[in-house]
Amino acid sequence: MMRPYTLRARRFGFSMLELVVALAMLAVMVGYGMPAYVAHAARGHRIEAVVALHRAAQYVAVRMTEVDIDSQPALPAGLDRVPEHGRIAYRIEWVPAADGRAGYEIWAIPVEGGPMHGDACGTFVLDRFGMRSNRVARGGGVDAQACWAGRAA
């Protein structure tokens, strides 16, 4: 004896209601997960910028002892951007002291249109003495310690 069509079809697939419920659950999970993912990625970019600044500072310290830096300072390829490969988030620049002494600053500047453009931490600055600070394009203070630890909002 043959079973009715409805019983046989129901056994081999999902109903429309089950599919809609599953998609709704997926949308809720993505809705909560996406901001956390974006915050995690931003933290990673900030930490990479801090590491790159310290690597660049080591390079500059060695170069200043070996060579007279009267020429325009420049960082070699690989030290001049964050991350080293892939979509650029920060541009690293070595800036000599304005007063002509042996001081310098190294900046990690968020790239226009990059993933960190408009970030609350702004530009990371590391000077010759290891002093850390941040320069924010828009007004308002920023917790530099939190930025340098990657925890800024």
C-alpha atoms as a PDB file:
ATOM      1  CA  MET A   1       0.000   0.000   0.000  1.00  0.00           C
ATOM      2  CA  MET A   2       1.261   3.421  -0.892  1.00  0.00           C
ATOM      3  CA  ARG A   3       1.580   6.129   1.748  1.00  0.00           C
ATOM      4  CA  PRO A   4       0.054   9.538   1.216  1.00  0.00           C
ATOM      5  CA  TYR A   5       2.294  12.071  -0.562  1.00  0.00           C
ATOM      6  CA  THR A   6       2.542  14.417   2.432  1.00  0.00           C
ATOM      7  CA  LEU A   7       4.087  11.825   4.738  1.00  0.00           C
ATOM      8  CA  ARG A   8       6.654  10.732   2.190  1.00  0.00           C
ATOM      9  CA  ALA A   9       7.758  14.290   1.225  1.00  0.00           C
ATOM     10  CA  ARG A  10       8.026  15.464   4.817  1.00  0.00           C
ATOM     11  CA  ARG A  11      10.498  12.752   5.684  1.00  0.00           C
ATOM     12  CA  PHE A  12      13.100  13.796   3.047  1.00  0.00           C
ATOM     13  CA  GLY A  13      13.509  17.545   3.606  1.00  0.00           C
ATOM     14  CA  PHE A  14      12.941  20.649   5.667  1.00  0.00           C
ATOM     15  CA  SER A  15       9.717  22.535   5.773  1.00  0.00           C
ATOM     16  CA  MET A  16       9.713  26.212   4.885  1.00  0.00           C
ATOM     17  CA  LEU A  17       9.106  27.094   8.532  1.00  0.00           C
ATOM     18  CA  GLU A  18      12.166  25.134   9.686  1.00  0.00           C
ATOM     19  CA  LEU A  19      14.298  26.844   7.053  1.00  0.00           C
ATOM     20  CA  VAL A  20      13.087  30.327   8.052  1.00  0.00           C
ATOM     21  CA  VAL A  21      13.749  29.615  11.747  1.00  0.00           C
ATOM     22  CA  ALA A  22      17.266  28.359  10.977  1.00  0.00           C
ATOM     23  CA  LEU A  23      18.025  31.449   8.858  1.00  0.00           C
ATOM     24  CA  ALA A  24      16.686  33.746  11.584  1.00  0.00           C
ATOM     25  CA  MET A  25      18.941  32.073  14.157  1.00  0.00           C
ATOM     26  CA  LEU A  26      21.909  32.468  11.816  1.00  0.00           C
ATOM     27  CA  ALA A  27      21.103  36.172  11.309  1.00  0.00           C
ATOM     28  CA  VAL A  28      20.981  36.752  15.074  1.00  0.00           C
ATOM     29  CA  MET A  29      24.336  35.006  15.571  1.00  0.00           C
ATOM     30  CA  VAL A  30      25.946  37.052  12.795  1.00  0.00           C
ATOM     31  CA  GLY A  31      24.393  40.232  14.192  1.00  0.00           C
ATOM     32  CA  TYR A  32      26.024  39.658  17.566  1.00  0.00           C
ATOM     33  CA  GLY A  33      29.242  38.190  16.241  1.00  0.00           C
ATOM     34  CA  MET A  34      30.163  40.806  13.631  1.00  0.00           C
ATOM     35  CA  PRO A  35      30.862  43.711  16.047  1.00  0.00           C
ATOM     36  CA  ALA A  36      32.986  41.400  18.185  1.00  0.00           C
ATOM     37  CA  TYR A  37      34.926  40.308  15.096  1.00  0.00           C
ATOM     38  CA  VAL A  38      35.496  43.914  13.988  1.00  0.00           C
ATOM     39  CA  ALA A  39      36.719  44.870  17.490  1.00  0.00           C
ATOM     40  CA  HIS A  40      39.036  41.853  17.537  1.00  0.00           C
ATOM     41  CA  ALA A  41      40.483  42.754  14.122  1.00  0.00           C
ATOM     42  CA  ALA A  42      41.033  46.390  15.220  1.00  0.00           C
ATOM     43  CA  ARG A  43      42.854  45.212  18.346  1.00  0.00           C
ATOM     44  CA  GLY A  44      45.085  43.039  16.185  1.00  0.00           C
ATOM     45  CA  HIS A  45      45.917  45.971  13.890  1.00  0.00           C
ATOM     46  CA  ARG A  46      46.754  48.196  16.897  1.00  0.00           C
ATOM     47  CA  ILE A  47      49.072  45.571  18.355  1.00  0.00           C
ATOM     48  CA  GLU A  48      50.743  45.080  14.967  1.00  0.00           C
ATOM     49  CA  ALA A  49      51.290  48.858  14.760  1.00  0.00           C
ATOM     50  CA  VAL A  50      52.941  48.906  18.199  1.00  0.00           C
ATOM     51  CA  VAL A  51      55.244  46.031  17.253  1.00  0.00           C
ATOM     52  CA  ALA A  52      56.112  47.712  13.941  1.00  0.00           C
ATOM     53  CA  LEU A  53      56.952  50.979  15.726  1.00  0.00           C
ATOM     54  CA  HIS A  54      59.370  49.209  18.050  1.00  0.00           C
ATOM     55  CA  ARG A  55      60.976  47.352  15.131  1.00  0.00           C
ATOM     56  CA  ALA A  56      61.359  50.637  13.255  1.00  0.00           C
ATOM     57  CA  ALA A  57      62.858  52.272  16.376  1.00  0.00           C
ATOM     58  CA  GLN A  58      65.475  49.524  16.545  1.00  0.00           C
ATOM     59  CA  TYR A  59      66.303  50.077  12.873  1.00  0.00           C
ATOM     60  CA  VAL A  60      66.565  53.850  13.342  1.00  0.00           C
ATOM     61  CA  ALA A  61      68.754  53.513  16.454  1.00  0.00           C
ATOM     62  CA  VAL A  62      71.197  51.282  14.582  1.00  0.00           C
ATOM     63  CA  ARG A  63      71.172  53.480  11.497  1.00  0.00           C
ATOM     64  CA  MET A  64      71.822  56.650  13.508  1.00  0.00           C
ATOM     65  CA  THR A  65      74.966  55.112  15.022  1.00  0.00           C
ATOM     66  CA  GLU A  66      76.282  53.885  11.666  1.00  0.00           C
ATOM     67  CA  VAL A  67      75.439  56.636   9.211  1.00  0.00           C
ATOM     68  CA  ASP A  68      75.092  60.398   9.176  1.00  0.00           C
ATOM     69  CA  ILE A  69      71.377  60.970   8.597  1.00  0.00           C
ATOM     70  CA  ASP A  70      71.523  64.385   6.948  1.00  0.00           C
ATOM     71  CA  SER A  71      69.527  62.977   4.043  1.00  0.00           C
ATOM     72  CA  GLN A  72      65.790  62.433   4.185  1.00  0.00           C
ATOM     73  CA  PRO A  73      65.219  59.477   6.516  1.00  0.00           C
ATOM     74  CA  ALA A  74      63.348  56.531   5.120  1.00  0.00           C
ATOM     75  CA  LEU A  75      62.422  53.108   6.391  1.00  0.00           C
ATOM     76  CA  PRO A  76      63.094  50.044   4.245  1.00  0.00           C
ATOM     77  CA  ALA A  77      60.299  48.106   2.618  1.00  0.00           C
ATOM     78  CA  GLY A  78      58.554  45.946   5.164  1.00  0.00           C
ATOM     79  CA  LEU A  79      59.145  48.369   8.029  1.00  0.00           C
ATOM     80  CA  ASP A  80      57.162  51.145   6.384  1.00  0.00           C
ATOM     81  CA  ARG A  81      53.678  49.592   6.647  1.00  0.00           C
ATOM     82  CA  VAL A  82      51.396  47.482   8.828  1.00  0.00           C
ATOM     83  CA  PRO A  83      50.775  44.685   8.121  1.00  0.00           C
ATOM     84  CA  GLU A  84      53.838  43.801   6.123  1.00  0.00           C
ATOM     85  CA  HIS A  85      51.691  41.903   3.598  1.00  0.00           C
ATOM     86  CA  GLY A  86      48.042  42.297   2.671  1.00  0.00           C
ATOM     87  CA  ARG A  87      45.725  45.270   2.983  1.00  0.00           C
ATOM     88  CA  ILE A  88      47.603  48.144   4.586  1.00  0.00           C
ATOM     89  CA  ALA A  89      46.196  49.528   7.853  1.00  0.00           C
ATOM     90  CA  TYR A  90      49.007  51.867   8.985  1.00  0.00           C
ATOM     91  CA  ARG A  91      51.829  53.683   7.226  1.00  0.00           C
ATOM     92  CA  ILE A  92      55.028  53.931   9.334  1.00  0.00           C
ATOM     93  CA  GLU A  93      57.062  57.149   9.012  1.00  0.00           C
ATOM     94  CA  TRP A  94      60.350  58.201  10.565  1.00  0.00           C
ATOM     95  CA  VAL A  95      60.342  61.943  11.314  1.00  0.00           C
ATOM     96  CA  PRO A  96      63.549  63.714  12.404  1.00  0.00           C
ATOM     97  CA  ALA A  97      63.402  66.207  15.266  1.00  0.00           C
ATOM     98  CA  ALA A  98      62.332  69.691  14.229  1.00  0.00           C
ATOM     99  CA  ASP A  99      65.089  71.349  16.273  1.00  0.00           C
ATOM    100  CA  GLY A 100      67.887  69.690  14.267  1.00  0.00           C
ATOM    101  CA  ARG A 101      69.194  67.566  17.125  1.00  0.00           C
ATOM    102  CA  ALA A 102      69.546  63.795  17.033  1.00  0.00           C
ATOM    103  CA  GLY A 103      65.966  63.205  18.118  1.00  0.00           C
ATOM    104  CA  TYR A 104      63.268  61.607  16.063  1.00  0.00           C
ATOM    105  CA  GLU A 105      59.723  60.315  16.166  1.00  0.00           C
ATOM    106  CA  ILE A 106      58.249  57.320  14.441  1.00  0.00           C
ATOM    107  CA  TRP A 107      54.583  57.548  13.495  1.00  0.00           C
ATOM    108  CA  ALA A 108      52.054  54.838  12.655  1.00  0.00           C
ATOM    109  CA  ILE A 109      49.471  56.736  10.620  1.00  0.00           C
ATOM    110  CA  PRO A 110      46.125  55.104   9.733  1.00  0.00           C
ATOM    111  CA  VAL A 111      45.785  54.850   5.965  1.00  0.00           C
ATOM    112  CA  GLU A 112      42.956  56.770   4.314  1.00  0.00           C
ATOM    113  CA  GLY A 113      40.267  54.249   3.393  1.00  0.00           C
ATOM    114  CA  GLY A 114      42.015  51.490   5.359  1.00  0.00           C
ATOM    115  CA  PRO A 115      40.519  49.359   8.112  1.00  0.00           C
ATOM    116  CA  MET A 116      41.826  51.669  10.878  1.00  0.00           C
ATOM    117  CA  HIS A 117      40.845  54.986   9.285  1.00  0.00           C
ATOM    118  CA  GLY A 118      38.769  56.881  11.840  1.00  0.00           C
ATOM    119  CA  ASP A 119      39.967  54.713  14.741  1.00  0.00           C
ATOM    120  CA  ALA A 120      39.734  56.340  18.173  1.00  0.00           C
ATOM    121  CA  CYS A 121      43.476  55.876  18.760  1.00  0.00           C
ATOM    122  CA  GLY A 122      44.498  57.907  15.699  1.00  0.00           C
ATOM    123  CA  THR A 123      48.224  58.079  14.981  1.00  0.00           C
ATOM    124  CA  PHE A 124      50.621  56.179  17.235  1.00  0.00           C
ATOM    125  CA  VAL A 125      53.817  58.105  18.058  1.00  0.00           C
ATOM    126  CA  LEU A 126      57.032  56.669  19.515  1.00  0.00           C
ATOM    127  CA  ASP A 127      59.937  59.056  20.150  1.00  0.00           C
ATOM    128  CA  ARG A 128      63.672  58.531  20.593  1.00  0.00           C
ATOM    129  CA  PHE A 129      63.330  58.088  24.340  1.00  0.00           C
ATOM    130  CA  GLY A 130      60.593  55.474  24.088  1.00  0.00           C
ATOM    131  CA  MET A 131      57.804  57.864  25.078  1.00  0.00           C
ATOM    132  CA  ARG A 132      54.483  56.721  23.632  1.00  0.00           C
ATOM    133  CA  SER A 133      51.590  58.946  22.654  1.00  0.00           C
ATOM    134  CA  ASN A 134      48.698  59.192  20.258  1.00  0.00           C
ATOM    135  CA  ARG A 135      47.592  62.025  18.009  1.00  0.00           C
ATOM    136  CA  VAL A 136      43.923  62.064  17.215  1.00  0.00           C
ATOM    137  CA  ALA A 137      42.723  63.977  14.158  1.00  0.00           C
ATOM    138  CA  ARG A 138      39.373  64.861  15.664  1.00  0.00           C
ATOM    139  CA  GLY A 139      39.075  66.569  19.027  1.00  0.00           C
ATOM    140  CA  GLY A 140      38.900  64.656  22.258  1.00  0.00           C
ATOM    141  CA  GLY A 141      41.270  62.823  24.476  1.00  0.00           C
ATOM    142  CA  VAL A 142      42.308  59.253  24.045  1.00  0.00           C
ATOM    143  CA  ASP A 143      43.664  56.807  26.612  1.00  0.00           C
ATOM    144  CA  ALA A 144      47.109  56.221  25.136  1.00  0.00           C
ATOM    145  CA  GLN A 145      47.863  53.388  27.532  1.00  0.00           C
ATOM    146  CA  ALA A 146      44.749  51.508  26.399  1.00  0.00           C
ATOM    147  CA  CYS A 147      45.586  52.167  22.746  1.00  0.00           C
ATOM    148  CA  TRP A 148      49.136  50.880  23.107  1.00  0.00           C
ATOM    149  CA  ALA A 149      47.808  47.759  24.849  1.00  0.00           C
ATOM    150  CA  GLY A 150      45.301  47.261  22.009  1.00  0.00           C
ATOM    151  CA  ARG A 151      42.293  47.629  24.323  1.00  0.00           C
ATOM    152  CA  ALA A 152      40.904  50.983  23.126  1.00  0.00           C
ATOM    153  CA  ALA A 153      37.252  51.225  22.215  1.00  0.00           C
END
